[in-house]
Each structure stands twice: as C-alpha cells, then as structure tokens.
Amino acid sequence: MNVLTASINSNILITGSSIILLLFLSAFFSGSETALTAASRAKLRSRADKGEPGATRALKITEDTEKLIGSILLGNNLVNILAAALATKLFTDIFKESGVFLATVVMTLLVLVFSEVLPKTYAITNPEKAAARVSSPISFFILISSPLVSALRWVVRQLLKLFGVRIDPNSQILSVHEEIAGTLELGRREGIVEKEHRDRLLGALDLNERNVEEVMLHRSEIKMINGSAPPKLIISQCLESPHSRIPVYKDEPENIIGVLHVKDLLRTMEKYFNSSRNENKSLKDFNIIDVIREPYFVPETTTLDDQMRQFLKLRTHFALVVDEYGGIQGLITLEDILEEIVGEISDEFDVDEVQAVKPNTDGSYTVDGSMTIRDFNRISEWSLPDEEANTLAGLIIHEAQSIPAKGQVFSFLGFRFEVIQALSNRLTKLKIGKL
C-alpha cells in the first residue's frame, strides 16, 4: 500500500513538474514572439553596431518574419497542448469525472496569466533588450524545427492559393518610409515631435518620390532676357530682377540660348569700363553671347533626390525643365529643392513673396491658386489629394472638368472651394474650407 501511494505521489510530482516546465516554455515562446516582432530594427542595428552579439542574432532571425513566427507558433502550440493533456490526465486521476472541467479552468488561468499576459507585458516594455536575450535559444530552435516549418509553410501557401491569395516572401508589411512617417506623425500627435521637425524630416524622405515638375517655377512666371536687347536694357532688367541667374532667349522665349549670371555680367562690365574712358562707346561693343553660360536642361520626370545630386555634382544651382518634346516647362533651382525640406527660404530681395498662409476666422484659408497641394496640406494639416494635380487651381480644374470663373463655388472631397479672383484662364486667388 505504501509502495502504491509513493508511486502515485511520484507520478503526481513528475506530472506537475512537467506541467510547470511546459508553462515556462510557453511563456518563453510567447515573450519571444512579442519581443522579436515589436523590436525596432533600427534600435537593434544600433545595438549591433556597438558590438552586442544578441542584437546581431536578433537582426538576422527577424529578416525572415514568416519563418520566425512559424517556428515560435510551432513551439508554443506544442508545449501548450502537451501541458493541457498532462493536466487533464492529472486532474482526472485525482478528481475523476470532474477532472476535465477543473483542468480546463486551471490551465486556462495559468496559461493566460503566466504564459501569455505576464511574458508579453515584460517583453513589450523593452522589446530590444528582450529580443537580444532570447535570440540565441530561438535561433537554435528555428534551426532544428526548420524542416517541419518549411513543410507547414508550403501547406499554408497551397491552402491560401485555393482562396486566390498569393504571398510574396520578399514583401514587407510596411516600408521603412511608411514606418518612419507613421512614427513621426504619432510623435507629433503625442506632443513629442514638433510639427516643423516632422515636416522637415518627411520632406527629406519624400525627395525620392517627387519630380521636379511638382516644385518647379512654371514657364509663365519665369523672367527672361531678350539677348537681342540693347546692353543698357539688359543691365536694367538684371538690376530689377530679384534673381542672380536669368535665362536668355533669342527671337522667341522657347529658344533659350544660355543663362546669364549677374556676377559674370558685373565682371564683364568692369572690363569694358576699364578699357575705355567713354562708357557709352564701350557698351556698344558688348555682346551678351560672351557672358552667358551654357543652359542646363533636365526632364520634368527627374526626381528631386536625383536632381539635387546632379546639382551638387555639377556645382550648379539652376536648371531648365523640359517635357518629352523638348519644350520649356519651367525652371528649378537648388533652393526650390531645399525649400521642400526646410520650408520657404526668403532673403532681402524677396519682397514680393507671399506671406505665410494663416486660417481665416471661420477656419477657411485664402490662398494663391498656384500654391502646391503638398504645401497647402503641410500648412493646414488637411489631406487634399495630389495624384491628379500639383496646384490647388489644377485640382479645382480637374474636379470641375472646366475652367471656373470668378465667384464660382464648388463642393467636393469634403471641402468648399470658392474662386475669389481669376485672370484669363488662371485661378489666382482661392478660398478653401471644410464642409
């Protein structure tokens, strides 16, 4: 009898110890899953660069998310099911018919508290540190379970194909750009990141996704110089212009023959004046062809990032934008690209620049029709679409499918648009408010 009792107690002790061990393993797998999926790869990279081996391993195993999650789920489900089976047997031996019910209740509480909530709460508080700690045993488990996980992945993909779902193993759930943009927006809403800082960082990130066509100065607003004009008129136009680089054309504005730099003009004028006592006589021999520089043309589809690199490489700040037929569409400068990052750049000569846009008393905005939709969205923090048009006037024309007249009002996209001022076919002043 004593031998039987000792045997029963020994079985209970062994089974109970096995259940505790399995619950510990379940907690380990649950915590590892949370830590490795929630850890920031940027922070792990920073730790790895400082020589932390755990962070290096964590980076490596998180490269294949599908394989990582499959291995952890395999281990977690194995230990949970085995723990539940052992608990059911143990409670059935002790409590007979009511053992199944008791085992279900007890194991649900134990798994929920000690194998799910507790380890995941710990892991989410410091995911990078936890990911580095569990990376070594998880790497070993992934290695030994790799054949079975690969087979399960194949089965899952075949089942998904039956429902018309195909998985690209190389695709990412969120791109790095989207992750950074989301983090910045979340930080701004929580008051951690200022709006100006968010705009600058997002502006730098978006350079590779925007074309020069979106930020260029349109050809209708370009101030040019007629190369056939008298020298005095050319000098007068240069002095009146707030810009230091001015396109020069011959016969017609489309025929750009070069770009005049004000410094080059001053150097040439100095030579002419020093070579003759009679200034008027020296100006008669002036030829603008000797002063202008060769024009630099870029296609309108060039990205801002590529164009900025070209500006730096060629050591120039000025380019003329052309379409696919070679027609002049506008001009772009290095300052235009920098303004997409730091905002409007003004100097003492920008006397005609539009003042900062501020909301009216009713929450609406009165803006110039040539303002880009992107700039308006950054100022108002609204979300007008910019897929079909670059400017606010272009958006109204696209939605209205016509050229509106002064005083016309439109309601679309959840906003109210009013044309306050129009010149010929241009919408020069608009009022925009939310409906």
Protein backbone atom coordinates (compact mmCIF):
# COMPACT_ATOMS: atom_id res chain seq x y z
CA MET A 1 0.00 0.00 0.00
CA ASN A 2 2.81 2.37 0.90
CA VAL A 3 4.55 1.47 -2.36
CA LEU A 4 1.37 2.27 -4.34
CA THR A 5 0.89 5.59 -2.52
CA ALA A 6 4.52 6.52 -3.09
CA SER A 7 4.16 5.64 -6.77
CA ILE A 8 1.04 7.80 -7.11
CA ASN A 9 2.70 10.72 -5.33
CA SER A 10 5.75 10.30 -7.54
CA ASN A 11 3.59 10.37 -10.69
CA ILE A 12 1.76 13.47 -9.47
CA LEU A 13 5.07 15.18 -8.69
CA ILE A 14 6.58 14.29 -12.07
CA THR A 15 3.43 15.32 -13.98
CA GLY A 16 3.09 18.54 -12.02
CA SER A 17 6.74 19.40 -12.58
CA SER A 18 6.35 18.67 -16.29
CA ILE A 19 3.35 20.98 -16.49
CA ILE A 20 5.29 23.76 -14.74
CA LEU A 21 8.21 23.28 -17.14
CA LEU A 22 5.88 23.37 -20.14
CA LEU A 23 4.23 26.55 -18.84
CA PHE A 24 7.68 28.10 -18.52
CA LEU A 25 8.48 27.13 -22.11
CA SER A 26 5.13 28.54 -23.24
CA ALA A 27 5.93 31.82 -21.50
CA PHE A 28 9.32 31.84 -23.19
CA PHE A 29 7.84 31.36 -26.67
CA SER A 30 5.09 33.95 -26.07
CA GLY A 31 7.51 36.55 -24.76
CA SER A 32 9.99 35.84 -27.57
CA GLU A 33 7.30 36.33 -30.20
CA THR A 34 6.31 39.71 -28.76
CA ALA A 35 9.90 40.88 -28.27
CA LEU A 36 11.14 39.90 -31.73
CA THR A 37 8.13 41.30 -33.60
CA ALA A 38 7.87 44.52 -31.58
CA ALA A 39 11.60 45.30 -31.51
CA SER A 40 12.72 48.17 -33.72
CA ARG A 41 15.23 47.00 -36.30
CA ALA A 42 16.82 50.44 -36.21
CA LYS A 43 17.47 50.14 -32.47
CA LEU A 44 18.70 46.58 -32.88
CA ARG A 45 21.07 47.79 -35.60
CA SER A 46 22.37 50.45 -33.24
CA ARG A 47 23.00 47.84 -30.55
CA ALA A 48 24.64 45.51 -33.06
CA ASP A 49 26.96 48.29 -34.23
CA LYS A 50 28.06 48.72 -30.63
CA GLY A 51 29.16 45.07 -30.57
CA GLU A 52 26.17 43.40 -28.87
CA PRO A 53 26.02 39.82 -30.24
CA GLY A 54 22.43 39.24 -29.12
CA ALA A 55 21.22 42.19 -31.18
CA THR A 56 23.12 40.87 -34.21
CA ARG A 57 21.41 37.48 -33.89
CA ALA A 58 18.02 39.15 -33.39
CA LEU A 59 18.51 41.15 -36.60
CA LYS A 60 19.38 38.01 -38.51
CA ILE A 61 16.41 35.93 -37.39
CA THR A 62 13.91 38.77 -37.92
CA GLU A 63 14.87 39.04 -41.60
CA ASP A 64 12.53 36.12 -42.36
CA THR A 65 9.44 37.04 -40.35
CA GLU A 66 7.33 34.20 -41.72
CA LYS A 67 9.88 31.58 -40.71
CA LEU A 68 10.35 33.17 -37.28
CA ILE A 69 6.63 33.32 -36.49
CA GLY A 70 6.09 29.78 -37.81
CA SER A 71 8.80 28.33 -35.59
CA ILE A 72 7.63 30.17 -32.46
CA LEU A 73 3.98 29.22 -33.02
CA LEU A 74 5.02 25.62 -33.57
CA GLY A 75 6.90 25.51 -30.28
CA ASN A 76 4.24 27.42 -28.37
CA ASN A 77 1.38 25.22 -29.54
CA LEU A 78 3.32 22.03 -28.86
CA VAL A 79 4.04 22.91 -25.24
CA ASN A 80 0.55 24.31 -24.62
CA ILE A 81 -1.21 21.24 -25.99
CA LEU A 82 1.12 18.90 -24.12
CA ALA A 83 0.63 20.85 -20.88
CA ALA A 84 -3.15 20.72 -21.29
CA ALA A 85 -3.07 16.97 -21.96
CA LEU A 86 -0.91 16.27 -18.90
CA ALA A 87 -3.11 18.49 -16.72
CA THR A 88 -6.25 16.70 -17.91
CA LYS A 89 -4.74 13.30 -17.07
CA LEU A 90 -3.52 14.52 -13.68
CA PHE A 91 -6.83 16.07 -12.64
CA THR A 92 -8.81 13.10 -13.97
CA ASP A 93 -6.73 10.69 -11.86
CA ILE A 94 -7.31 12.82 -8.78
CA PHE A 95 -10.86 14.17 -9.21
CA LYS A 96 -12.30 11.53 -11.58
CA GLU A 97 -15.25 12.84 -13.68
CA SER A 98 -14.87 16.48 -12.66
CA GLY A 99 -11.17 16.45 -13.54
CA VAL A 100 -11.69 17.56 -17.16
CA PHE A 101 -13.62 20.67 -16.10
CA LEU A 102 -11.13 21.55 -13.38
CA ALA A 103 -8.17 21.02 -15.70
CA THR A 104 -9.74 23.34 -18.28
CA VAL A 105 -10.34 26.12 -15.76
CA VAL A 106 -6.95 25.83 -14.03
CA MET A 107 -4.91 25.56 -17.22
CA THR A 108 -6.79 28.46 -18.84
CA LEU A 109 -5.92 30.70 -15.90
CA LEU A 110 -2.31 29.50 -15.70
CA VAL A 111 -1.67 29.84 -19.44
CA LEU A 112 -3.41 33.21 -19.64
CA VAL A 113 -1.61 34.76 -16.68
CA PHE A 114 1.83 33.11 -16.63
CA SER A 115 2.30 32.09 -20.26
CA GLU A 116 0.66 34.97 -22.15
CA VAL A 117 -0.01 38.23 -20.31
CA LEU A 118 3.00 38.20 -17.96
CA PRO A 119 5.78 37.41 -20.50
CA LYS A 120 4.26 39.58 -23.24
CA THR A 121 3.89 42.53 -20.87
CA TYR A 122 7.53 42.19 -19.88
CA ALA A 123 8.66 41.84 -23.50
CA ILE A 124 6.71 44.86 -24.74
CA THR A 125 8.22 47.16 -22.10
CA ASN A 126 11.73 46.72 -23.52
CA PRO A 127 11.49 44.70 -26.75
CA GLU A 128 15.05 45.31 -28.00
CA LYS A 129 16.64 44.13 -24.75
CA ALA A 130 14.33 41.10 -24.54
CA ALA A 131 14.89 40.26 -28.22
CA ALA A 132 18.65 40.26 -27.72
CA ARG A 133 18.32 37.92 -24.72
CA VAL A 134 16.09 35.32 -26.40
CA SER A 135 17.83 35.43 -29.79
CA SER A 136 20.28 32.63 -29.02
CA PRO A 137 17.80 29.88 -27.93
CA ILE A 138 15.27 30.97 -30.56
CA SER A 139 17.95 30.73 -33.27
CA PHE A 140 18.71 27.16 -32.15
CA PHE A 141 15.01 26.22 -32.12
CA ILE A 142 14.50 27.71 -35.60
CA LEU A 143 17.41 25.63 -36.84
CA ILE A 144 16.09 22.30 -35.54
CA SER A 145 12.47 23.00 -36.49
CA SER A 146 13.29 24.40 -39.93
CA PRO A 147 12.30 21.29 -41.97
CA LEU A 148 8.89 20.99 -40.29
CA VAL A 149 8.26 24.75 -40.51
CA SER A 150 9.15 24.75 -44.22
CA ALA A 151 6.67 21.95 -44.81
CA LEU A 152 3.97 23.83 -42.90
CA ARG A 153 4.67 27.00 -44.89
CA TRP A 154 4.22 25.11 -48.13
CA VAL A 155 0.91 23.62 -46.94
CA VAL A 156 -0.34 27.04 -45.80
CA ARG A 157 0.53 28.68 -49.11
CA GLN A 158 -1.20 25.94 -51.07
CA LEU A 159 -4.32 26.43 -48.97
CA LEU A 160 -4.19 30.19 -49.49
CA LYS A 161 -3.89 29.69 -53.24
CA LEU A 162 -7.23 27.90 -53.17
CA PHE A 163 -8.76 31.17 -51.97
CA GLY A 164 -6.85 33.26 -54.52
CA VAL A 165 -4.33 34.63 -52.02
CA ARG A 166 -0.67 34.70 -53.04
CA ILE A 167 2.17 35.65 -50.72
CA ASP A 168 5.37 37.34 -51.81
CA PRO A 169 8.10 36.14 -49.45
CA ASN A 170 10.20 39.22 -50.22
CA SER A 171 7.46 41.74 -49.49
CA GLN A 172 7.41 43.80 -46.32
CA ILE A 173 4.27 44.63 -44.37
CA LEU A 174 5.39 48.25 -44.01
CA SER A 175 8.13 50.00 -45.91
CA VAL A 176 10.82 51.86 -44.00
CA HIS A 177 9.41 55.14 -45.32
CA GLU A 178 5.90 54.35 -44.04
CA GLU A 179 7.26 53.22 -40.68
CA ILE A 180 9.24 56.42 -40.17
CA ALA A 181 6.35 58.60 -41.38
CA GLY A 182 3.93 56.83 -39.04
CA THR A 183 6.32 57.19 -36.11
CA LEU A 184 6.78 60.91 -36.76
CA GLU A 185 3.02 61.51 -37.05
CA LEU A 186 2.38 59.56 -33.84
CA GLY A 187 5.09 61.57 -32.10
CA ARG A 188 3.56 64.83 -33.29
CA ARG A 189 0.10 63.89 -32.04
CA GLU A 190 1.53 62.93 -28.66
CA GLY A 191 3.49 66.17 -28.44
CA ILE A 192 6.93 64.53 -28.62
CA VAL A 193 7.80 65.78 -32.12
CA GLU A 194 7.09 69.35 -33.23
CA LYS A 195 5.23 69.92 -36.49
CA GLU A 196 8.17 71.79 -38.04
CA HIS A 197 10.55 68.93 -37.27
CA ARG A 198 8.11 66.39 -38.69
CA ASP A 199 7.70 68.40 -41.90
CA ARG A 200 11.45 68.69 -42.40
CA LEU A 201 12.11 65.01 -41.88
CA LEU A 202 9.21 63.95 -44.11
CA GLY A 203 10.31 66.46 -46.74
CA ALA A 204 13.75 64.87 -46.86
CA LEU A 205 12.24 61.39 -47.07
CA ASP A 206 9.92 62.36 -49.93
CA LEU A 207 12.61 63.75 -52.23
CA ASN A 208 12.96 60.41 -53.98
CA GLU A 209 9.20 60.19 -54.62
CA ARG A 210 8.62 63.64 -56.09
CA ASN A 211 9.53 65.02 -59.51
CA VAL A 212 10.95 68.41 -60.45
CA GLU A 213 7.66 69.11 -62.25
CA GLU A 214 5.93 69.36 -58.88
CA VAL A 215 8.12 72.12 -57.44
CA MET A 216 9.45 73.96 -60.50
CA LEU A 217 8.65 77.58 -61.31
CA HIS A 218 6.21 77.42 -64.21
CA ARG A 219 7.30 78.98 -67.51
CA SER A 220 4.54 81.58 -67.29
CA GLU A 221 6.26 83.06 -64.22
CA ILE A 222 9.85 82.95 -65.49
CA LYS A 223 11.51 86.33 -66.03
CA MET A 224 13.71 86.11 -69.13
CA ILE A 225 16.03 88.48 -71.01
CA ASN A 226 15.99 89.02 -74.74
CA GLY A 227 19.55 88.53 -75.93
CA SER A 228 18.94 90.97 -78.80
CA ALA A 229 18.01 93.83 -76.45
CA PRO A 230 20.33 96.85 -76.03
CA PRO A 231 23.02 96.47 -73.34
CA LYS A 232 21.53 99.19 -71.14
CA LEU A 233 18.14 97.45 -71.16
CA ILE A 234 19.77 94.13 -70.26
CA ILE A 235 21.60 95.71 -67.33
CA SER A 236 18.38 97.44 -66.20
CA GLN A 237 16.44 94.15 -66.29
CA CYS A 238 19.18 92.42 -64.29
CA LEU A 239 19.04 95.12 -61.62
CA GLU A 240 15.24 94.90 -61.40
CA SER A 241 15.26 91.11 -61.09
CA PRO A 242 15.49 89.60 -57.57
CA HIS A 243 17.37 86.64 -59.06
CA SER A 244 21.07 86.25 -59.76
CA ARG A 245 20.61 83.78 -62.65
CA ILE A 246 18.36 84.74 -65.56
CA PRO A 247 17.58 82.72 -68.73
CA VAL A 248 18.44 84.44 -72.01
CA TYR A 249 16.50 83.77 -75.23
CA LYS A 250 16.86 84.78 -78.85
CA ASP A 251 13.95 85.68 -81.14
CA GLU A 252 11.36 83.75 -79.05
CA PRO A 253 11.17 82.66 -75.38
CA GLU A 254 11.26 78.97 -76.31
CA ASN A 255 14.72 79.43 -77.84
CA ILE A 256 16.88 79.57 -74.71
CA ILE A 257 20.49 80.24 -75.68
CA GLY A 258 22.03 80.48 -72.22
CA VAL A 259 21.83 81.61 -68.62
CA LEU A 260 23.14 84.99 -67.50
CA HIS A 261 24.77 85.15 -64.09
CA VAL A 262 24.78 88.63 -62.58
CA LYS A 263 28.35 88.20 -61.31
CA ASP A 264 29.55 87.35 -64.80
CA LEU A 265 27.82 90.47 -66.12
CA LEU A 266 29.46 92.67 -63.47
CA ARG A 267 32.91 91.28 -64.25
CA THR A 268 32.37 91.94 -67.96
CA MET A 269 31.11 95.46 -67.32
CA GLU A 270 34.17 96.20 -65.22
CA LYS A 271 36.46 95.11 -68.07
CA TYR A 272 34.59 97.28 -70.56
CA PHE A 273 34.69 100.34 -68.33
CA ASN A 274 38.37 99.93 -67.52
CA SER A 275 39.29 99.50 -71.17
CA SER A 276 37.70 102.76 -72.34
CA ARG A 277 37.10 106.18 -70.91
CA ASN A 278 33.88 106.51 -72.90
CA GLU A 279 31.40 104.17 -71.23
CA ASN A 280 28.75 104.54 -73.93
CA LYS A 281 31.19 103.58 -76.62
CA SER A 282 32.34 100.52 -74.69
CA LEU A 283 28.75 99.31 -74.21
CA LYS A 284 28.17 99.33 -77.97
CA ASP A 285 30.70 96.54 -78.31
CA PHE A 286 29.02 94.50 -75.58
CA ASN A 287 27.80 91.05 -76.73
CA ILE A 288 25.74 89.03 -74.29
CA ILE A 289 26.82 85.79 -76.02
CA ASP A 290 30.27 86.32 -74.48
CA VAL A 291 28.81 86.45 -70.97
CA ILE A 292 26.09 83.81 -70.77
CA ARG A 293 26.72 80.26 -69.70
CA GLU A 294 25.51 77.12 -71.42
CA PRO A 295 21.96 76.23 -70.32
CA TYR A 296 21.39 73.07 -68.31
CA PHE A 297 18.22 71.16 -69.23
CA VAL A 298 16.58 68.39 -67.19
CA PRO A 299 13.47 66.28 -67.93
CA GLU A 300 10.36 67.01 -65.89
CA THR A 301 10.24 63.41 -64.64
CA THR A 302 13.56 63.66 -62.76
CA THR A 303 13.16 63.01 -59.03
CA LEU A 304 14.13 65.75 -56.60
CA ASP A 305 16.68 63.46 -54.97
CA ASP A 306 18.42 62.76 -58.28
CA GLN A 307 18.30 66.41 -59.28
CA MET A 308 19.84 67.55 -56.01
CA ARG A 309 22.67 65.05 -56.50
CA GLN A 310 23.22 66.41 -60.02
CA PHE A 311 23.30 69.99 -58.76
CA LEU A 312 25.96 69.07 -56.21
CA LYS A 313 27.93 67.02 -58.74
CA LEU A 314 27.90 69.71 -61.44
CA ARG A 315 28.35 72.53 -58.91
CA THR A 316 25.40 74.47 -60.28
CA HIS A 317 22.13 75.69 -58.76
CA PHE A 318 19.97 76.32 -61.81
CA ALA A 319 18.30 74.09 -64.42
CA LEU A 320 15.61 74.50 -67.07
CA VAL A 321 12.88 71.85 -67.08
CA VAL A 322 11.71 70.42 -70.42
CA ASP A 323 8.97 67.97 -71.39
CA GLU A 324 9.30 64.92 -73.62
CA TYR A 325 9.17 67.11 -76.74
CA GLY A 326 11.94 69.42 -75.54
CA GLY A 327 9.61 72.31 -74.78
CA ILE A 328 10.42 74.56 -71.83
CA GLN A 329 8.09 73.84 -68.91
CA GLY A 330 9.77 75.79 -66.14
CA LEU A 331 12.93 76.12 -64.11
CA ILE A 332 14.16 74.62 -60.89
CA THR A 333 16.91 75.68 -58.51
CA LEU A 334 18.69 74.05 -55.62
CA GLU A 335 16.81 76.44 -53.34
CA ASP A 336 13.49 75.03 -54.58
CA ILE A 337 14.56 71.55 -53.52
CA LEU A 338 15.88 72.71 -50.15
CA GLU A 339 12.59 74.51 -49.50
CA GLU A 340 10.84 71.14 -49.66
CA ILE A 341 12.81 70.22 -46.54
CA VAL A 342 13.24 73.40 -44.51
CA GLY A 343 10.26 75.41 -45.77
CA GLU A 344 10.18 78.78 -47.51
CA ILE A 345 13.59 80.48 -47.83
CA SER A 346 13.41 84.26 -48.22
CA ASP A 347 16.04 86.99 -48.38
CA GLU A 348 16.06 90.77 -48.51
CA PHE A 349 15.26 90.73 -52.24
CA ASP A 350 12.15 88.53 -51.96
CA VAL A 351 9.85 91.50 -51.42
CA ASP A 352 7.01 90.02 -53.48
CA GLU A 353 6.95 86.65 -51.75
CA VAL A 354 3.55 85.59 -50.47
CA GLN A 355 3.25 85.95 -46.73
CA ALA A 356 2.67 82.92 -44.55
CA VAL A 357 -0.79 81.47 -45.06
CA LYS A 358 -2.96 81.74 -41.96
CA PRO A 359 -6.52 80.49 -41.40
CA ASN A 360 -9.44 82.89 -41.53
CA THR A 361 -11.75 83.38 -38.57
CA ASP A 362 -14.11 80.69 -39.91
CA GLY A 363 -11.29 78.15 -40.30
CA SER A 364 -11.01 78.51 -44.07
CA TYR A 365 -7.89 79.57 -45.98
CA THR A 366 -7.45 82.26 -48.66
CA VAL A 367 -4.54 81.17 -50.85
CA ASP A 368 -2.93 81.71 -54.22
CA GLY A 369 -4.14 79.30 -56.87
CA SER A 370 -0.57 78.42 -57.83
CA MET A 371 0.23 77.06 -54.35
CA THR A 372 1.06 73.38 -54.48
CA ILE A 373 -1.34 70.97 -52.83
CA ARG A 374 1.51 69.47 -50.83
CA ASP A 375 2.49 72.84 -49.33
CA PHE A 376 -1.13 73.61 -48.53
CA ASN A 377 -1.58 70.24 -46.82
CA ARG A 378 1.52 70.85 -44.70
CA ILE A 379 0.22 74.25 -43.61
CA SER A 380 -3.41 73.28 -42.99
CA GLU A 381 -2.74 69.64 -41.99
CA TRP A 382 -5.55 68.62 -44.34
CA SER A 383 -5.30 65.83 -46.87
CA LEU A 384 -6.25 67.12 -50.30
CA PRO A 385 -5.26 64.56 -52.98
CA ASP A 386 -2.31 65.46 -55.21
CA GLU A 387 -2.35 62.49 -57.60
CA GLU A 388 -4.12 64.31 -60.45
CA ALA A 389 -2.83 67.87 -59.97
CA ASN A 390 0.13 69.68 -58.39
CA THR A 391 -1.54 73.01 -57.55
CA LEU A 392 -4.80 73.99 -55.89
CA ALA A 393 -6.02 75.63 -59.09
CA GLY A 394 -5.19 72.47 -61.01
CA LEU A 395 -7.18 70.39 -58.51
CA ILE A 396 -10.29 72.57 -58.96
CA ILE A 397 -10.00 72.47 -62.75
CA HIS A 398 -9.58 68.67 -62.67
CA GLU A 399 -12.59 68.12 -60.42
CA ALA A 400 -14.79 70.68 -62.19
CA GLN A 401 -13.74 69.43 -65.64
CA SER A 402 -13.80 73.07 -66.77
CA ILE A 403 -12.12 76.41 -66.16
CA PRO A 404 -14.16 78.15 -63.45
CA ALA A 405 -14.99 81.84 -63.45
CA LYS A 406 -14.69 84.34 -60.64
CA GLY A 407 -17.29 83.78 -57.92
CA GLN A 408 -17.98 80.13 -58.70
CA VAL A 409 -18.21 77.77 -55.73
CA PHE A 410 -17.56 74.02 -55.74
CA SER A 411 -18.03 71.33 -53.12
CA PHE A 412 -16.09 68.09 -53.46
CA LEU A 413 -13.72 65.87 -51.48
CA GLY A 414 -15.33 67.18 -48.29
CA PHE A 415 -14.18 70.77 -48.93
CA ARG A 416 -15.69 74.01 -50.25
CA PHE A 417 -13.74 75.82 -52.97
CA GLU A 418 -14.52 79.39 -53.98
CA VAL A 419 -12.83 81.24 -56.84
CA ILE A 420 -12.17 84.74 -55.49
CA GLN A 421 -10.02 86.03 -58.31
CA ALA A 422 -9.32 84.83 -61.85
CA LEU A 423 -7.14 86.25 -64.59
CA SER A 424 -7.83 84.96 -68.11
CA ASN A 425 -7.73 81.18 -67.64
CA ARG A 426 -5.76 81.31 -64.39
CA LEU A 427 -7.30 80.97 -60.93
CA THR A 428 -5.19 83.43 -58.97
CA LYS A 429 -7.00 83.57 -55.61
CA LEU A 430 -9.00 80.84 -53.88
CA LYS A 431 -10.85 80.33 -50.63
CA ILE A 432 -10.88 76.78 -49.26
CA GLY A 433 -12.72 75.49 -46.22
CA LYS A 434 -14.04 72.25 -44.81
CA LEU A 435 -17.69 71.43 -45.33
